[in-house]
Amino acid sequence: MGWVVCRPRAARKVALLVTALSLFGAVALPTAVHAAGDTPAGAVFAIESPKAAKGLMIDVVQAGKRLVAVGDRGHILYSDDQGATWAQAKVPTRQLLTAVFFVDDQHGWAVGHDAQVLASTDGGATWTQQYQDLKREAPLLDVWFNDANHGLAVGAYGALIETTDGGKTWADVSDRLDNEDQYHLNAIASIKDAGLFIVGEQGSMFRSSDDGQTWEKLEGPYEGSLFGVIGTAQAQTLLAYGLRGNLYRSTDFGGTWEQVPLNAARGALEFGLSGATLLDDGSIVVVGNGGSVVVSHDDGQTFSVFNRPDRISLSAVTAAGNGNLILVGQGGVRVATPAGAEPTKQ
C-alpha cells in the first residue's frame, strides 16, 4: 500500500484501525498547480475482488440514496439497497483511499495515498484521477466540497490543496495556515452558520469564515491528536474527537470548548474515536476503536456508549437510509441498528 515510516509524533485516524497503519506516513506536497486530465494511459486499476466488502474500509458516505465506501487497495464500493449488497467501482489506483465526499447524488471525490484525488460523475460507479504526486507519496486524509466547483483537501505535513474548477486544476494553498510545525491535518468539515474547521495532529485547530480563503489558528482544549470534526444541527456548534475517547464540544465555532464525558459499562471510554455522522433527525453518531459506537440525541451534550461484541475497530459511519447505520473499518462494511448493534441483536 506504499506506506513509509513517518516521524515519531505522527498520528491520524487511519492509525486507529490496525497496528500496521501506525507506520502510515508521508512527506510534504509540492507547491505546483497540477492540471488534471483523463486518467493516464496504462493506469493500474484496483483489482476486482468478491471479498472487497470484507476488506479494510476507511470512509463511507451517502450519494443521494446510494452508499459509497472507500478503503484499502483502491477499493471503492457502492450499494443501492441500503447496505445489503455492495458492488465494486472501477477505480484507477491500488493505493489506500482515506476519505470520500459527495456534493450531490452524482458528483463525488475521494482522496488517499500518493496525494491522489479521484473524481466521479456517476454516483461513484466509475472514477477518474484528477491529481497525484507519485514521487512524494504524500497522503491526503480528508476532502470537502461546497459545490461542484470549489473544494479543499487536507493531509500529511500540513497539506492543504484547493480547486475552484471541479478538480480540473488543484493548487497547494498550505501557506494559508499558520502551521509552522507542519502538523498533519486529519479532517475538515463545514459548521452550520459559521464556516470551515480543520483539526489534526497535536490538537491543532484552524477555522475559516470565508470558505477557506483565510484561516485563524486556535488554541484548542487538547494536546493529543484529533482525528475528526463534525458540525451539529445547531448554529456554530461542533464536536472534535480523537485519542483515548477524548471528545470536545464548542457552541461558538471553536472559541471555547467543554469536554463531553463518555462513560461505558466499565468506566470512561478510552478507545480512540475516528469518524462521525450527523443524521437527518439531528442525532450524532461517533465511532472508533474497540467497536465503539457513541450516540447523542441532544446536539452532542451527552452520549450513550455501546461497544460492539466483536470489538472490531471502526473508522466511519453513515445512515443506511432505512433507520439503520452503515459502519466501516476493519472487516469491511456492515449494517447496524441505530445504537450500533447487529440488526438481529437489538
Protein backbone atom coordinates (compact mmCIF):
# COMPACT_ATOMS: atom_id res chain seq x y z
CA MET A 1 0.00 0.00 0.00
CA GLY A 2 3.01 2.29 -0.20
CA TRP A 3 3.34 3.10 3.48
CA VAL A 4 6.56 4.78 4.59
CA VAL A 5 7.79 5.32 8.12
CA CYS A 6 6.75 8.69 9.49
CA ARG A 7 8.18 10.88 12.23
CA PRO A 8 7.57 9.63 15.79
CA ARG A 9 4.82 12.13 16.68
CA ALA A 10 2.69 11.32 13.65
CA ALA A 11 -0.84 10.22 14.39
CA ARG A 12 -4.03 10.17 12.38
CA LYS A 13 -7.36 8.45 12.09
CA VAL A 14 -6.15 5.60 9.90
CA ALA A 15 -3.63 4.62 12.59
CA LEU A 16 -6.59 3.72 14.80
CA LEU A 17 -7.55 0.80 12.62
CA VAL A 18 -4.65 -1.62 12.68
CA THR A 19 -1.19 -1.61 14.21
CA ALA A 20 0.42 -1.60 10.78
CA LEU A 21 -1.19 1.74 9.98
CA SER A 22 0.89 3.43 12.68
CA LEU A 23 3.60 3.28 10.02
CA PHE A 24 1.45 5.26 7.60
CA GLY A 25 3.37 8.36 6.68
CA ALA A 26 4.23 10.98 4.13
CA VAL A 27 6.35 13.88 3.05
CA ALA A 28 5.29 17.38 2.05
CA LEU A 29 3.20 18.12 -1.00
CA PRO A 30 4.66 20.05 -3.93
CA THR A 31 3.65 23.69 -4.32
CA ALA A 32 2.89 23.49 -8.03
CA VAL A 33 -0.56 23.58 -9.57
CA HIS A 34 -1.34 20.19 -11.10
CA ALA A 35 -3.54 20.17 -14.17
CA ALA A 36 -5.95 17.28 -14.38
CA GLY A 37 -6.80 15.28 -17.43
CA ASP A 38 -8.15 11.91 -18.27
CA THR A 39 -6.83 9.00 -16.23
CA PRO A 40 -3.30 8.35 -17.61
CA ALA A 41 -2.91 5.64 -20.23
CA GLY A 42 -1.66 2.45 -18.63
CA ALA A 43 -3.13 3.34 -15.24
CA VAL A 44 -3.26 0.43 -12.80
CA PHE A 45 -6.84 -0.18 -11.72
CA ALA A 46 -7.98 -1.65 -8.42
CA ILE A 47 -8.31 -5.42 -8.60
CA GLU A 48 -11.90 -6.62 -8.58
CA SER A 49 -12.46 -8.95 -5.66
CA PRO A 50 -15.55 -10.70 -4.29
CA LYS A 51 -14.03 -10.14 -0.83
CA ALA A 52 -13.66 -6.37 -1.21
CA ALA A 53 -16.61 -5.67 1.10
CA LYS A 54 -14.79 -7.58 3.87
CA GLY A 55 -11.51 -5.71 3.49
CA LEU A 56 -10.27 -2.62 5.33
CA MET A 57 -12.57 0.33 4.56
CA ILE A 58 -11.82 3.83 5.82
CA ASP A 59 -14.78 6.07 4.94
CA VAL A 60 -18.43 5.81 3.89
CA VAL A 61 -20.96 8.46 2.81
CA GLN A 62 -24.34 8.87 1.15
CA ALA A 63 -24.57 9.93 -2.50
CA GLY A 64 -28.27 10.60 -2.75
CA LYS A 65 -29.88 7.24 -1.95
CA ARG A 66 -26.66 5.38 -2.81
CA LEU A 67 -23.96 4.47 -0.27
CA VAL A 68 -20.29 4.80 -1.25
CA ALA A 69 -17.34 3.44 0.76
CA VAL A 70 -13.57 3.73 0.15
CA GLY A 71 -10.60 1.91 1.57
CA ASP A 72 -7.59 -0.34 1.07
CA ARG A 73 -6.06 -1.23 -2.31
CA GLY A 74 -8.07 1.45 -4.11
CA HIS A 75 -11.32 -0.33 -3.39
CA ILE A 76 -14.46 1.76 -3.76
CA LEU A 77 -17.79 0.07 -3.13
CA TYR A 78 -21.35 1.25 -3.66
CA SER A 79 -24.74 -0.03 -2.54
CA ASP A 80 -28.21 0.77 -3.83
CA ASP A 81 -30.06 -1.42 -1.32
CA GLN A 82 -29.18 0.28 1.98
CA GLY A 83 -26.06 -1.78 2.51
CA ALA A 84 -27.49 -5.26 1.93
CA THR A 85 -25.21 -5.84 -1.08
CA TRP A 86 -22.20 -3.97 -2.47
CA ALA A 87 -20.78 -3.57 -5.97
CA GLN A 88 -17.17 -2.66 -6.71
CA ALA A 89 -16.47 0.51 -8.68
CA LYS A 90 -13.91 0.87 -11.47
CA VAL A 91 -11.03 2.79 -9.84
CA PRO A 92 -7.66 3.78 -11.40
CA THR A 93 -5.49 3.14 -8.33
CA ARG A 94 -4.46 0.40 -5.92
CA GLN A 95 -3.41 2.78 -3.17
CA LEU A 96 -5.15 3.26 0.18
CA LEU A 97 -8.05 5.71 -0.05
CA THR A 98 -8.77 7.63 3.14
CA ALA A 99 -11.87 9.78 2.56
CA VAL A 100 -14.78 10.40 0.19
CA PHE A 101 -17.23 13.30 -0.22
CA PHE A 102 -20.27 13.84 -2.49
CA VAL A 103 -21.93 17.19 -3.15
CA ASP A 104 -24.98 15.54 -4.74
CA ASP A 105 -26.07 12.11 -5.96
CA GLN A 106 -23.65 12.18 -8.91
CA HIS A 107 -20.53 14.25 -8.15
CA GLY A 108 -18.01 12.98 -5.64
CA TRP A 109 -14.30 12.98 -4.80
CA ALA A 110 -12.05 10.53 -2.98
CA VAL A 111 -8.52 11.11 -1.66
CA GLY A 112 -5.68 8.96 -0.40
CA HIS A 113 -2.06 7.88 -0.74
CA ASP A 114 0.28 9.42 -3.31
CA ALA A 115 -1.65 12.66 -2.74
CA GLN A 116 -4.28 11.26 -5.04
CA VAL A 117 -7.61 12.88 -5.82
CA LEU A 118 -10.17 10.79 -7.70
CA ALA A 119 -13.48 12.07 -9.07
CA SER A 120 -16.79 10.51 -10.06
CA THR A 121 -19.67 11.98 -12.05
CA ASP A 122 -21.93 8.91 -11.97
CA GLY A 123 -22.62 8.42 -8.27
CA GLY A 124 -19.42 6.51 -7.55
CA ALA A 125 -19.72 3.73 -10.13
CA THR A 126 -16.63 4.87 -12.07
CA TRP A 127 -13.73 7.16 -11.17
CA THR A 128 -11.01 9.19 -12.87
CA GLN A 129 -7.78 10.52 -11.45
CA GLN A 130 -7.56 14.30 -11.06
CA TYR A 131 -4.36 14.77 -9.08
CA GLN A 132 -1.43 12.81 -7.71
CA ASP A 133 2.26 13.02 -6.78
CA LEU A 134 3.82 9.59 -7.18
CA LYS A 135 7.35 10.63 -6.19
CA ARG A 136 6.47 12.09 -2.80
CA GLU A 137 3.89 9.56 -1.61
CA ALA A 138 2.10 12.19 0.45
CA PRO A 139 -1.32 11.00 1.67
CA LEU A 140 -4.34 13.24 1.68
CA LEU A 141 -6.60 12.43 4.63
CA ASP A 142 -9.88 14.28 4.08
CA VAL A 143 -11.78 16.20 1.42
CA TRP A 144 -14.67 18.70 1.36
CA PHE A 145 -16.59 20.48 -1.41
CA ASN A 146 -19.21 23.18 -1.07
CA ASP A 147 -20.42 22.78 -4.67
CA ALA A 148 -19.36 21.04 -7.86
CA ASN A 149 -16.53 23.52 -8.40
CA HIS A 150 -14.90 24.56 -5.14
CA GLY A 151 -13.23 22.03 -2.89
CA LEU A 152 -10.40 21.55 -0.40
CA ALA A 153 -8.38 18.53 0.69
CA VAL A 154 -6.13 18.20 3.74
CA GLY A 155 -3.36 15.80 4.59
CA ALA A 156 0.05 14.93 5.98
CA TYR A 157 2.60 17.58 6.97
CA GLY A 158 0.07 20.40 6.82
CA ALA A 159 -1.07 19.78 3.26
CA LEU A 160 -3.97 21.92 2.08
CA ILE A 161 -4.89 21.90 -1.61
CA GLU A 162 -7.75 23.69 -3.36
CA THR A 163 -9.68 23.54 -6.61
CA THR A 164 -12.10 26.14 -7.97
CA ASP A 165 -12.93 24.33 -11.20
CA GLY A 166 -14.23 20.97 -10.04
CA GLY A 167 -10.78 19.44 -9.91
CA LYS A 168 -9.50 20.34 -13.38
CA THR A 169 -6.66 22.04 -11.52
CA TRP A 170 -5.51 21.78 -7.91
CA ALA A 171 -3.24 24.30 -6.15
CA ASP A 172 -1.25 23.89 -2.93
CA VAL A 173 -2.51 26.59 -0.55
CA SER A 174 -0.89 25.24 2.62
CA ASP A 175 0.67 28.64 3.30
CA ARG A 176 -2.78 29.98 4.19
CA LEU A 177 -2.44 28.15 7.52
CA ASP A 178 -0.30 29.26 10.45
CA ASN A 179 1.18 25.77 10.75
CA GLU A 180 4.93 26.27 11.08
CA ASP A 181 5.43 22.77 12.51
CA GLN A 182 3.52 21.26 9.57
CA TYR A 183 1.23 19.23 11.79
CA HIS A 184 -0.72 16.58 9.92
CA LEU A 185 -4.26 17.74 9.12
CA ASN A 186 -6.69 14.88 9.66
CA ALA A 187 -10.15 16.28 8.96
CA ILE A 188 -12.08 19.21 7.52
CA ALA A 189 -15.80 19.95 7.98
CA SER A 190 -18.39 22.64 7.41
CA ILE A 191 -20.04 24.11 10.53
CA LYS A 192 -23.59 25.47 10.28
CA ASP A 193 -23.79 29.27 10.00
CA ALA A 194 -20.09 29.59 10.78
CA GLY A 195 -17.58 28.25 8.24
CA LEU A 196 -14.94 25.58 7.84
CA PHE A 197 -12.98 23.84 10.57
CA ILE A 198 -9.79 21.73 10.39
CA VAL A 199 -8.35 19.50 13.14
CA GLY A 200 -5.17 17.49 13.26
CA GLU A 201 -2.02 16.36 14.98
CA GLN A 202 -1.10 17.63 18.48
CA GLY A 203 -4.59 19.08 18.92
CA SER A 204 -4.13 21.59 16.10
CA MET A 205 -7.22 23.57 15.08
CA PHE A 206 -7.96 26.10 12.34
CA ARG A 207 -11.17 27.87 11.33
CA SER A 208 -12.27 29.87 8.30
CA SER A 209 -15.34 32.05 7.85
CA ASP A 210 -14.75 32.68 4.12
CA ASP A 211 -14.79 29.20 2.55
CA GLY A 212 -11.11 28.59 3.17
CA GLN A 213 -9.59 31.77 1.75
CA THR A 214 -8.22 32.83 5.13
CA TRP A 215 -7.68 30.79 8.30
CA GLU A 216 -7.36 31.50 12.01
CA LYS A 217 -5.24 29.26 14.22
CA LEU A 218 -6.93 28.36 17.51
CA GLU A 219 -5.66 27.23 20.89
CA GLY A 220 -7.58 24.01 21.39
CA PRO A 221 -8.51 22.18 24.59
CA TYR A 222 -6.37 19.11 23.96
CA GLU A 223 -2.72 18.45 23.08
CA GLY A 224 -3.28 14.96 21.68
CA SER A 225 -4.13 14.23 18.08
CA LEU A 226 -7.65 14.92 16.88
CA PHE A 227 -8.92 12.58 14.19
CA GLY A 228 -12.22 14.18 13.29
CA VAL A 229 -14.57 17.15 13.49
CA ILE A 230 -18.29 17.45 12.75
CA GLY A 231 -20.84 20.21 12.85
CA THR A 232 -24.12 19.63 14.65
CA ALA A 233 -27.62 20.73 13.64
CA GLN A 234 -27.20 23.87 15.76
CA ALA A 235 -25.54 27.05 14.50
CA GLN A 236 -21.80 27.43 15.27
CA THR A 237 -21.80 24.16 17.22
CA LEU A 238 -19.27 21.42 16.57
CA LEU A 239 -17.57 18.37 18.05
CA ALA A 240 -13.89 17.45 17.81
CA TYR A 241 -12.68 13.98 18.77
CA GLY A 242 -9.52 11.90 18.89
CA LEU A 243 -7.32 9.67 21.02
CA ARG A 244 -8.49 7.75 24.11
CA GLY A 245 -12.14 8.75 23.89
CA ASN A 246 -11.44 12.46 24.03
CA LEU A 247 -14.43 14.38 22.68
CA TYR A 248 -14.96 18.14 22.95
CA ARG A 249 -17.91 20.40 22.16
CA SER A 250 -17.99 24.07 21.20
CA THR A 251 -21.02 26.30 20.68
CA ASP A 252 -19.08 29.33 19.41
CA PHE A 253 -17.21 27.98 16.37
CA GLY A 254 -14.25 26.79 18.40
CA GLY A 255 -13.80 29.84 20.59
CA THR A 256 -14.41 27.87 23.79
CA TRP A 257 -14.68 24.15 24.49
CA GLU A 258 -16.11 21.72 27.01
CA GLN A 259 -15.13 18.08 27.27
CA VAL A 260 -18.01 15.65 26.83
CA PRO A 261 -17.69 12.62 29.15
CA LEU A 262 -18.13 9.21 27.53
CA ASN A 263 -18.94 6.57 30.12
CA ALA A 264 -19.08 2.91 29.14
CA ALA A 265 -20.25 -0.02 31.25
CA ARG A 266 -16.81 -0.42 32.83
CA GLY A 267 -15.91 3.22 33.22
CA ALA A 268 -14.72 6.03 30.97
CA LEU A 269 -14.31 5.15 27.30
CA GLU A 270 -10.62 5.06 26.41
CA PHE A 271 -10.78 3.95 22.79
CA GLY A 272 -9.78 6.38 20.06
CA LEU A 273 -12.59 7.96 18.02
CA SER A 274 -12.17 8.25 14.27
CA GLY A 275 -15.41 9.07 12.42
CA ALA A 276 -18.83 10.64 12.86
CA THR A 277 -22.07 11.44 11.07
CA LEU A 278 -25.00 13.82 11.57
CA LEU A 279 -28.33 12.10 10.99
CA ASP A 280 -31.41 13.73 9.50
CA ASP A 281 -33.11 13.93 12.91
CA GLY A 282 -30.15 15.82 14.39
CA SER A 283 -28.68 12.81 16.18
CA ILE A 284 -24.90 12.39 16.08
CA VAL A 285 -23.08 9.07 15.87
CA VAL A 286 -19.33 8.77 16.54
CA VAL A 287 -17.33 5.54 16.06
CA GLY A 288 -13.84 4.31 16.85
CA ASN A 289 -11.58 1.60 18.15
CA GLY A 290 -12.83 -1.42 20.07
CA GLY A 291 -16.11 -1.38 18.19
CA SER A 292 -17.11 1.85 19.93
CA VAL A 293 -20.38 3.48 18.83
CA VAL A 294 -21.46 6.58 20.77
CA VAL A 295 -24.76 8.31 20.06
CA SER A 296 -26.17 11.71 21.03
CA HIS A 297 -29.77 12.92 20.73
CA ASP A 298 -29.19 16.34 22.32
CA ASP A 299 -26.83 18.11 19.94
CA GLY A 300 -23.74 16.47 21.40
CA GLN A 301 -24.25 17.45 25.03
CA THR A 302 -24.46 13.83 26.20
CA PHE A 303 -23.78 10.45 24.60
CA SER A 304 -24.73 6.84 25.15
CA VAL A 305 -21.85 4.40 24.67
CA PHE A 306 -22.04 0.97 23.06
CA ASN A 307 -19.09 -1.34 22.39
CA ARG A 308 -19.82 -3.97 19.79
CA PRO A 309 -19.03 -7.51 20.99
CA ASP A 310 -16.72 -8.14 18.01
CA ARG A 311 -14.51 -5.23 19.18
CA ILE A 312 -13.51 -4.61 15.54
CA SER A 313 -12.13 -1.10 15.09
CA LEU A 314 -14.40 1.28 13.19
CA SER A 315 -13.30 4.19 11.04
CA ALA A 316 -16.52 5.84 9.78
CA VAL A 317 -20.31 5.73 9.92
CA THR A 318 -23.26 6.99 7.91
CA ALA A 319 -27.03 6.46 7.74
CA ALA A 320 -28.18 3.45 5.72
CA GLY A 321 -31.35 5.22 4.63
CA ASN A 322 -33.80 2.93 6.40
CA GLY A 323 -33.12 3.81 10.04
CA ASN A 324 -30.05 1.61 10.32
CA LEU A 325 -26.38 2.63 10.29
CA ILE A 326 -23.55 1.63 7.97
CA LEU A 327 -20.26 1.07 9.79
CA VAL A 328 -16.87 0.65 8.09
CA GLY A 329 -13.42 -0.25 9.35
CA GLN A 330 -11.59 -3.50 9.88
CA GLY A 331 -13.57 -6.32 8.32
CA GLY A 332 -15.21 -4.05 5.74
CA VAL A 333 -18.78 -2.72 5.66
CA ARG A 334 -21.57 -3.82 7.97
CA VAL A 335 -25.15 -2.84 8.79
CA ALA A 336 -26.00 -1.92 12.39
CA THR A 337 -29.00 -0.72 14.38
CA PRO A 338 -29.24 2.98 15.37
CA ALA A 339 -27.37 2.05 18.58
CA GLY A 340 -24.60 0.24 16.71
CA ALA A 341 -25.63 -3.37 17.41
CA GLU A 342 -26.19 -6.17 14.94
CA PRO A 343 -29.72 -5.82 13.46
CA THR A 344 -30.79 -9.21 14.86
CA LYS A 345 -29.41 -8.47 18.34
CA GLN A 346 -31.21 -5.34 19.47
